[in-house]
């Protein structure tokens, strides 16, 4: 049986994001949302927290999938990045 895939979005409409496994997308999406529900984080902090959350159970490069899903969540307006010199990510309420 063929693995289900999702075409992820990119916040820059001129760019196309990746097609990835729905299962991996959902794991990373849930982790990012759970992490950001507790606090807003810089990109580096978010990727480190994501790695810490999933590295023992996730099969794949958590950072690469994290970046892909983070961009998708920004495009879908689930999370946002502020305009600070060091951008901070948070959940859109």
Protein backbone atom coordinates (compact mmCIF):
# COMPACT_ATOMS: atom_id res chain seq x y z
CA UNK A 1 0.00 0.00 0.00
CA UNK A 2 1.28 3.44 -0.93
CA UNK A 3 2.17 5.85 1.86
CA UNK A 4 -0.13 8.91 2.15
CA UNK A 5 1.60 12.19 1.27
CA UNK A 6 0.86 15.88 1.82
CA UNK A 7 1.96 18.89 -0.23
CA UNK A 8 3.17 21.33 2.40
CA UNK A 9 2.77 25.06 1.89
CA UNK A 10 5.33 27.86 2.07
CA UNK A 11 4.61 31.33 3.55
CA UNK A 12 6.24 32.89 0.46
CA UNK A 13 3.71 32.31 -2.33
CA UNK A 14 6.51 32.37 -4.90
CA UNK A 15 8.05 29.26 -3.33
CA UNK A 16 6.80 25.69 -3.26
CA UNK A 17 7.40 23.56 -0.22
CA UNK A 18 7.94 19.78 -0.08
CA UNK A 19 5.71 16.73 -0.45
CA UNK A 20 6.16 14.61 2.68
CA UNK A 21 4.61 11.69 4.53
CA UNK A 22 1.30 12.58 6.23
CA UNK A 23 2.31 10.43 9.21
CA UNK A 24 5.60 12.32 9.70
CA UNK A 25 3.85 15.65 9.07
CA UNK A 26 1.32 14.96 11.84
CA UNK A 27 4.01 13.90 14.34
CA UNK A 28 6.10 17.03 13.76
CA UNK A 29 3.05 19.33 13.60
CA UNK A 30 1.75 18.05 16.95
CA UNK A 31 5.19 18.46 18.55
CA UNK A 32 5.66 22.03 17.26
CA UNK A 33 2.20 23.09 18.41
CA UNK A 34 2.68 21.47 21.82
CA UNK A 35 6.08 23.18 22.25
CA UNK A 36 4.80 26.62 21.24
CA UNK A 37 1.70 26.38 23.46
CA UNK A 38 4.02 26.70 26.45
CA UNK A 39 6.27 29.52 25.21
CA UNK A 40 7.40 31.54 22.22
CA UNK A 41 10.82 30.52 20.90
CA UNK A 42 13.48 31.59 18.45
CA UNK A 43 14.14 29.33 15.46
CA UNK A 44 17.16 27.76 17.14
CA UNK A 45 15.27 27.17 20.39
CA UNK A 46 12.29 25.71 18.53
CA UNK A 47 14.41 23.29 16.51
CA UNK A 48 16.30 22.20 19.65
CA UNK A 49 13.04 21.68 21.57
CA UNK A 50 11.63 19.72 18.62
CA UNK A 51 14.73 17.52 18.47
CA UNK A 52 14.53 16.90 22.22
CA UNK A 53 10.84 16.01 21.90
CA UNK A 54 11.02 13.52 19.02
CA UNK A 55 14.60 12.28 18.57
CA UNK A 56 14.08 8.96 20.33
CA UNK A 57 10.92 7.98 18.44
CA UNK A 58 10.98 9.82 15.09
CA UNK A 59 12.49 8.08 12.09
CA UNK A 60 13.93 10.79 9.89
CA UNK A 61 15.78 14.06 10.21
CA UNK A 62 13.72 15.96 12.81
CA UNK A 63 15.36 19.28 11.89
CA UNK A 64 14.60 18.94 8.16
CA UNK A 65 11.00 17.84 8.78
CA UNK A 66 10.70 20.50 11.48
CA UNK A 67 11.69 23.26 9.06
CA UNK A 68 9.31 21.97 6.38
CA UNK A 69 6.36 21.66 8.76
CA UNK A 70 7.17 24.99 10.48
CA UNK A 71 6.96 26.77 7.12
CA UNK A 72 3.68 24.98 6.38
CA UNK A 73 2.21 26.01 9.74
CA UNK A 74 3.25 29.62 9.07
CA UNK A 75 1.58 29.50 5.64
CA UNK A 76 -1.61 28.05 7.19
CA UNK A 77 -1.50 30.78 9.87
CA UNK A 78 -1.34 28.31 12.74
CA UNK A 79 1.95 29.75 13.99
CA UNK A 80 3.55 33.12 13.35
CA UNK A 81 7.03 34.59 13.20
CA UNK A 82 7.45 38.12 14.49
CA UNK A 83 9.61 40.78 12.85
CA UNK A 84 12.25 41.04 15.58
CA UNK A 85 15.93 40.99 14.65
CA UNK A 86 15.96 37.43 15.98
CA UNK A 87 12.47 36.23 15.00
CA UNK A 88 10.37 34.49 17.62
CA UNK A 89 7.72 31.88 16.77
CA UNK A 90 4.40 31.58 18.58
CA UNK A 91 0.92 30.12 18.19
CA UNK A 92 -1.67 32.37 16.52
CA UNK A 93 -4.55 32.82 18.92
